C-alpha atoms as a PDB file:
ATOM      1  CA  GLN A   1       0.066  -0.002   0.013  1.00  0.00           C
ATOM      2  CA  ASN A   2       1.045   3.600  -0.387  1.00  0.00           C
ATOM      3  CA  ASP A   3       1.387   3.797   3.482  1.00  0.00           C
ATOM      4  CA  GLY A   4       3.694   0.904   3.461  1.00  0.00           C
ATOM      5  CA  SER A   5       1.192  -1.646   4.968  1.00  0.00           C
ATOM      6  CA  ILE A   6       1.061  -5.105   3.460  1.00  0.00           C
ATOM      7  CA  PHE A   7      -1.709  -7.550   2.856  1.00  0.00           C
ATOM      8  CA  ALA A   8      -1.412 -11.298   2.633  1.00  0.00           C
ATOM      9  CA  ALA A   9      -3.975 -13.973   1.927  1.00  0.00           C
ATOM     10  CA  GLY A  10      -4.053 -17.699   2.329  1.00  0.00           C
ATOM     11  CA  PHE A  11      -6.223 -20.180   4.564  1.00  0.00           C
ATOM     12  CA  THR A  12      -6.390 -21.251   8.136  1.00  0.00           C
ATOM     13  CA  GLN A  13      -7.605 -24.551   9.646  1.00  0.00           C
ATOM     14  CA  SER A  14     -10.736 -24.329  11.589  1.00  0.00           C
ATOM     15  CA  GLY A  15     -11.555 -27.754  12.922  1.00  0.00           C
ATOM     16  CA  ASN A  16     -11.657 -30.154   9.936  1.00  0.00           C
ATOM     17  CA  LEU A  17     -12.184 -27.131   7.620  1.00  0.00           C
ATOM     18  CA  MET A  18     -10.042 -24.543   5.904  1.00  0.00           C
ATOM     19  CA  ASP A  19     -11.178 -20.856   5.759  1.00  0.00           C
ATOM     20  CA  PHE A  20      -9.923 -17.917   3.674  1.00  0.00           C
ATOM     21  CA  ALA A  21      -7.611 -15.789   5.840  1.00  0.00           C
ATOM     22  CA  VAL A  22      -6.565 -12.201   5.055  1.00  0.00           C
ATOM     23  CA  VAL A  23      -3.974 -10.447   7.162  1.00  0.00           C
ATOM     24  CA  LYS A  24      -2.906  -6.702   7.150  1.00  0.00           C
ATOM     25  CA  TYR A  25       0.389  -5.715   8.523  1.00  0.00           C
ATOM     26  CA  THR A  26       1.736  -2.277   9.267  1.00  0.00           C
ATOM     27  CA  SER A  27       4.980  -1.073   7.465  1.00  0.00           C
ATOM     28  CA  GLY A  28       6.780  -2.228  10.663  1.00  0.00           C
ATOM     29  CA  GLY A  29       5.530  -5.847  10.256  1.00  0.00           C
ATOM     30  CA  PHE A  30       3.002  -5.756  13.009  1.00  0.00           C
ATOM     31  CA  LEU A  31      -0.743  -6.714  12.620  1.00  0.00           C
ATOM     32  CA  ASP A  32      -2.748  -3.587  11.848  1.00  0.00           C
ATOM     33  CA  THR A  33      -5.739  -3.679  14.139  1.00  0.00           C
ATOM     34  CA  SER A  34      -7.611  -1.160  12.059  1.00  0.00           C
ATOM     35  CA  PHE A  35      -8.420  -4.172   9.696  1.00  0.00           C
ATOM     36  CA  ASP A  36     -11.207  -6.366  11.149  1.00  0.00           C
ATOM     37  CA  GLY A  37     -10.393  -5.241  14.692  1.00  0.00           C
ATOM     38  CA  ASP A  38      -7.347  -7.487  15.058  1.00  0.00           C
ATOM     39  CA  GLY A  39      -5.547  -7.384  11.629  1.00  0.00           C
ATOM     40  CA  ILE A  40      -7.011 -10.766  10.648  1.00  0.00           C
ATOM     41  CA  ALA A  41     -10.123 -11.538   8.635  1.00  0.00           C
ATOM     42  CA  ILE A  42     -11.063 -15.245   8.509  1.00  0.00           C
ATOM     43  CA  THR A  43     -13.982 -16.085   6.146  1.00  0.00           C
ATOM     44  CA  PRO A  44     -15.802 -19.360   6.018  1.00  0.00           C
ATOM     45  CA  ILE A  45     -17.882 -19.030   2.874  1.00  0.00           C
ATOM     46  CA  TYR A  46     -19.957 -22.111   3.460  1.00  0.00           C
ATOM     47  CA  ASN A  47     -19.682 -25.091   5.813  1.00  0.00           C
ATOM     48  CA  ASN A  48     -16.921 -26.357   3.587  1.00  0.00           C
ATOM     49  CA  SER A  49     -13.272 -25.763   3.039  1.00  0.00           C
ATOM     50  CA  GLU A  50     -11.843 -22.687   1.109  1.00  0.00           C
ATOM     51  CA  PHE A  51      -8.342 -22.086  -0.062  1.00  0.00           C
ATOM     52  CA  ALA A  52      -7.194 -18.658  -1.109  1.00  0.00           C
ATOM     53  CA  SER A  53      -4.642 -18.434  -3.882  1.00  0.00           C
ATOM     54  CA  LYS A  54      -4.681 -14.662  -4.944  1.00  0.00           C
ATOM     55  CA  ILE A  55      -5.294 -11.299  -3.315  1.00  0.00           C
ATOM     56  CA  LEU A  56      -6.098  -8.166  -5.402  1.00  0.00           C
ATOM     57  CA  LEU A  57      -6.238  -4.548  -3.996  1.00  0.00           C
ATOM     58  CA  GLN A  58      -8.628  -2.366  -5.913  1.00  0.00           C
ATOM     59  CA  ALA A  59      -8.102   1.368  -6.594  1.00  0.00           C
ATOM     60  CA  ASP A  60     -11.043   2.129  -4.213  1.00  0.00           C
ATOM     61  CA  GLY A  61      -9.262   0.362  -1.197  1.00  0.00           C
ATOM     62  CA  LYS A  62     -11.380  -2.870  -1.440  1.00  0.00           C
ATOM     63  CA  ILE A  63      -9.663  -6.186  -1.171  1.00  0.00           C
ATOM     64  CA  VAL A  64     -10.541  -9.167  -3.403  1.00  0.00           C
ATOM     65  CA  VAL A  65      -9.434 -12.781  -2.545  1.00  0.00           C
ATOM     66  CA  PHE A  66      -9.759 -15.517  -5.009  1.00  0.00           C
ATOM     67  CA  GLY A  67      -9.272 -19.253  -4.741  1.00  0.00           C
ATOM     68  CA  SER A  68     -11.452 -22.283  -4.467  1.00  0.00           C
ATOM     69  CA  THR A  69     -14.153 -23.727  -2.282  1.00  0.00           C
ATOM     70  CA  ILE A  70     -15.298 -27.364  -1.739  1.00  0.00           C
ATOM     71  CA  GLN A  71     -19.088 -27.515  -2.476  1.00  0.00           C
ATOM     72  CA  THR A  72     -20.952 -30.716  -1.782  1.00  0.00           C
ATOM     73  CA  SER A  73     -18.670 -33.026  -3.691  1.00  0.00           C
ATOM     74  CA  ASP A  74     -16.599 -30.842  -5.958  1.00  0.00           C
ATOM     75  CA  TYR A  75     -14.512 -27.634  -5.992  1.00  0.00           C
ATOM     76  CA  ASP A  76     -15.642 -24.483  -7.442  1.00  0.00           C
ATOM     77  CA  PHE A  77     -14.025 -21.031  -7.719  1.00  0.00           C
ATOM     78  CA  ALA A  78     -14.513 -18.705  -4.789  1.00  0.00           C
ATOM     79  CA  MET A  79     -14.074 -14.902  -4.270  1.00  0.00           C
ATOM     80  CA  VAL A  80     -14.576 -12.696  -1.498  1.00  0.00           C
ATOM     81  CA  ARG A  81     -14.549  -8.853  -1.353  1.00  0.00           C
ATOM     82  CA  TYR A  82     -13.882  -6.886   1.667  1.00  0.00           C
ATOM     83  CA  ASN A  83     -14.069  -3.284   2.452  1.00  0.00           C
ATOM     84  CA  SER A  84     -10.744  -1.455   3.498  1.00  0.00           C
ATOM     85  CA  ASP A  85     -11.630  -2.072   7.111  1.00  0.00           C
ATOM     86  CA  GLY A  86     -11.893  -5.957   6.735  1.00  0.00           C
ATOM     87  CA  THR A  87     -15.637  -6.212   6.746  1.00  0.00           C
ATOM     88  CA  TYR A  88     -17.589  -7.942   3.958  1.00  0.00           C
ATOM     89  CA  ASP A  89     -18.448  -5.800   0.998  1.00  0.00           C
ATOM     90  CA  ASN A  90     -22.221  -6.681   0.762  1.00  0.00           C
ATOM     91  CA  THR A  91     -22.432  -4.645  -2.505  1.00  0.00           C
ATOM     92  CA  PHE A  92     -20.278  -7.447  -4.171  1.00  0.00           C
ATOM     93  CA  ASN A  93     -23.093  -9.976  -5.280  1.00  0.00           C
ATOM     94  CA  GLY A  94     -25.381  -8.985  -2.286  1.00  0.00           C
ATOM     95  CA  ASN A  95     -23.367 -10.975   0.360  1.00  0.00           C
ATOM     96  CA  GLY A  96     -19.636 -10.210  -0.239  1.00  0.00           C
ATOM     97  CA  PHE A  97     -18.783 -13.405  -2.044  1.00  0.00           C
ATOM     98  CA  ILE A  98     -19.353 -15.534  -5.298  1.00  0.00           C
ATOM     99  CA  THR A  99     -18.731 -19.219  -6.018  1.00  0.00           C
ATOM    100  CA  PRO A 100     -18.971 -19.349  -9.674  1.00  0.00           C
ATOM    101  CA  SER A 101     -19.011 -22.637 -11.526  1.00  0.00           C
ATOM    102  CA  PHE A 102     -18.835 -23.404 -15.205  1.00  0.00           C
ATOM    103  CA  SER A 103     -19.570 -27.029 -15.335  1.00  0.00           C
ATOM    104  CA  GLY A 104     -21.840 -28.200 -12.482  1.00  0.00           C
ATOM    105  CA  ASN A 105     -20.488 -31.292 -10.670  1.00  0.00           C
ATOM    106  CA  PHE A 106     -16.877 -31.179 -12.019  1.00  0.00           C
ATOM    107  CA  ASN A 107     -14.070 -29.541 -10.174  1.00  0.00           C
ATOM    108  CA  GLU A 108     -12.835 -26.076 -10.860  1.00  0.00           C
ATOM    109  CA  TYR A 109      -9.626 -24.963  -9.080  1.00  0.00           C
ATOM    110  CA  GLY A 110      -9.151 -21.243  -8.949  1.00  0.00           C
ATOM    111  CA  ASN A 111      -5.448 -20.289  -9.253  1.00  0.00           C
ATOM    112  CA  ALA A 112      -4.985 -16.889 -10.582  1.00  0.00           C
ATOM    113  CA  SER A 113      -6.873 -13.514 -10.964  1.00  0.00           C
ATOM    114  CA  MET A 114      -6.190  -9.969 -12.150  1.00  0.00           C
ATOM    115  CA  LEU A 115      -7.914  -6.614 -12.204  1.00  0.00           C
ATOM    116  CA  GLN A 116      -8.784  -5.088 -15.615  1.00  0.00           C
ATOM    117  CA  ASN A 117      -8.641  -1.207 -16.083  1.00  0.00           C
ATOM    118  CA  ASP A 118     -12.354  -1.204 -16.241  1.00  0.00           C
ATOM    119  CA  GLY A 119     -12.669  -2.890 -12.748  1.00  0.00           C
ATOM    120  CA  LYS A 120     -13.731  -6.344 -13.992  1.00  0.00           C
ATOM    121  CA  ILE A 121     -11.864  -9.209 -12.559  1.00  0.00           C
ATOM    122  CA  LEU A 122     -10.254 -12.138 -14.704  1.00  0.00           C
ATOM    123  CA  ILE A 123     -10.097 -15.556 -12.946  1.00  0.00           C
ATOM    124  CA  ALA A 124      -8.329 -18.545 -14.097  1.00  0.00           C
ATOM    125  CA  GLY A 125      -7.457 -22.142 -13.092  1.00  0.00           C
ATOM    126  CA  MET A 126      -8.446 -25.689 -14.118  1.00  0.00           C
ATOM    127  CA  ASN A 127     -11.695 -27.409 -14.962  1.00  0.00           C
ATOM    128  CA  ASN A 128     -11.703 -31.218 -14.975  1.00  0.00           C
ATOM    129  CA  SER A 129     -14.849 -31.853 -16.910  1.00  0.00           C
ATOM    130  CA  THR A 130     -12.948 -33.495 -19.701  1.00  0.00           C
ATOM    131  CA  PHE A 131      -9.142 -33.626 -19.530  1.00  0.00           C
ATOM    132  CA  ASN A 132      -8.304 -30.926 -16.956  1.00  0.00           C
ATOM    133  CA  ASP A 133      -8.727 -28.026 -19.205  1.00  0.00           C
ATOM    134  CA  PHE A 134      -7.574 -24.368 -18.866  1.00  0.00           C
ATOM    135  CA  ILE A 135     -10.511 -22.107 -17.788  1.00  0.00           C
ATOM    136  CA  VAL A 136     -10.833 -18.424 -17.441  1.00  0.00           C
ATOM    137  CA  GLY A 137     -13.714 -16.308 -16.402  1.00  0.00           C
ATOM    138  CA  ARG A 138     -14.605 -12.601 -16.025  1.00  0.00           C
ATOM    139  CA  VAL A 139     -16.500 -11.056 -12.982  1.00  0.00           C
ATOM    140  CA  ASN A 140     -18.281  -7.731 -13.102  1.00  0.00           C
ATOM    141  CA  ILE A 141     -17.388  -5.035 -10.566  1.00  0.00           C
ATOM    142  CA  ASP A 142     -20.728  -5.909  -8.919  1.00  0.00           C
ATOM    143  CA  GLY A 143     -19.847  -9.566  -8.305  1.00  0.00           C
ATOM    144  CA  SER A 144     -21.864 -11.046 -11.139  1.00  0.00           C
ATOM    145  CA  MET A 145     -20.428 -13.096 -14.018  1.00  0.00           C
ATOM    146  CA  ASP A 146     -19.703 -11.078 -17.131  1.00  0.00           C
ATOM    147  CA  ASN A 147     -22.013 -12.981 -19.474  1.00  0.00           C
ATOM    148  CA  THR A 148     -20.612 -10.996 -22.599  1.00  0.00           C
ATOM    149  CA  PHE A 149     -17.466 -13.005 -21.983  1.00  0.00           C
ATOM    150  CA  GLY A 150     -17.357 -16.634 -23.352  1.00  0.00           C
ATOM    151  CA  LEU A 151     -20.279 -18.901 -22.440  1.00  0.00           C
ATOM    152  CA  ASN A 152     -21.987 -17.498 -19.195  1.00  0.00           C
ATOM    153  CA  GLY A 153     -18.665 -15.588 -18.261  1.00  0.00           C
ATOM    154  CA  PHE A 154     -16.272 -18.483 -18.807  1.00  0.00           C
ATOM    155  CA  ALA A 155     -14.019 -19.525 -21.683  1.00  0.00           C
ATOM    156  CA  ILE A 156     -12.535 -23.174 -21.454  1.00  0.00           C
ATOM    157  CA  THR A 157      -9.732 -24.410 -23.572  1.00  0.00           C
ATOM    158  CA  ASP A 158      -8.350 -27.858 -24.184  1.00  0.00           C
ATOM    159  CA  PHE A 159      -4.735 -27.748 -25.406  1.00  0.00           C
ATOM    160  CA  GLY A 160      -4.548 -31.523 -25.955  1.00  0.00           C
ATOM    161  CA  THR A 161      -4.813 -34.620 -23.850  1.00  0.00           C
ATOM    162  CA  GLY A 162      -2.787 -33.468 -20.958  1.00  0.00           C
ATOM    163  CA  THR A 163      -3.448 -31.297 -17.863  1.00  0.00           C
ATOM    164  CA  ASP A 164      -4.168 -27.566 -18.835  1.00  0.00           C
ATOM    165  CA  TYR A 165      -3.890 -25.199 -15.866  1.00  0.00           C
ATOM    166  CA  GLY A 166      -4.451 -21.449 -15.940  1.00  0.00           C
ATOM    167  CA  GLU A 167      -2.185 -19.200 -13.905  1.00  0.00           C
END
């Protein structure tokens, strides 16, 4: 950040489950208690496990964390957006998070994301509906899928018979 503070994201174990974890440090390397009261925001999206793989800082100070969640029997992409103080941004999809899925009951592992200049968010990873294919999606600034991109907001590419993984 401009003030030297640092954000980091990953996951933490809570019982038998994993939850998104976001930490804000001061420029001196201490927890910044202005963020979620103690410097740490832990997010259980559902009563399942979530694994964060990427953190994005928007120009308006909001924080986007992207990764995967285990739904009933498969993995789906997962994204949470926080306000600069560590609270959920409920303007993002109406509840602060999305779990977009391209293929229903197949696994989608979220691995990479980036902000576009227009505020939309690109997400990428792997979909194993056929042969572990490369998948990319685009999310609107409000948390909805950008249906002008690919099929229902997703594009999937099979480069051959091996594993294809977007990063």
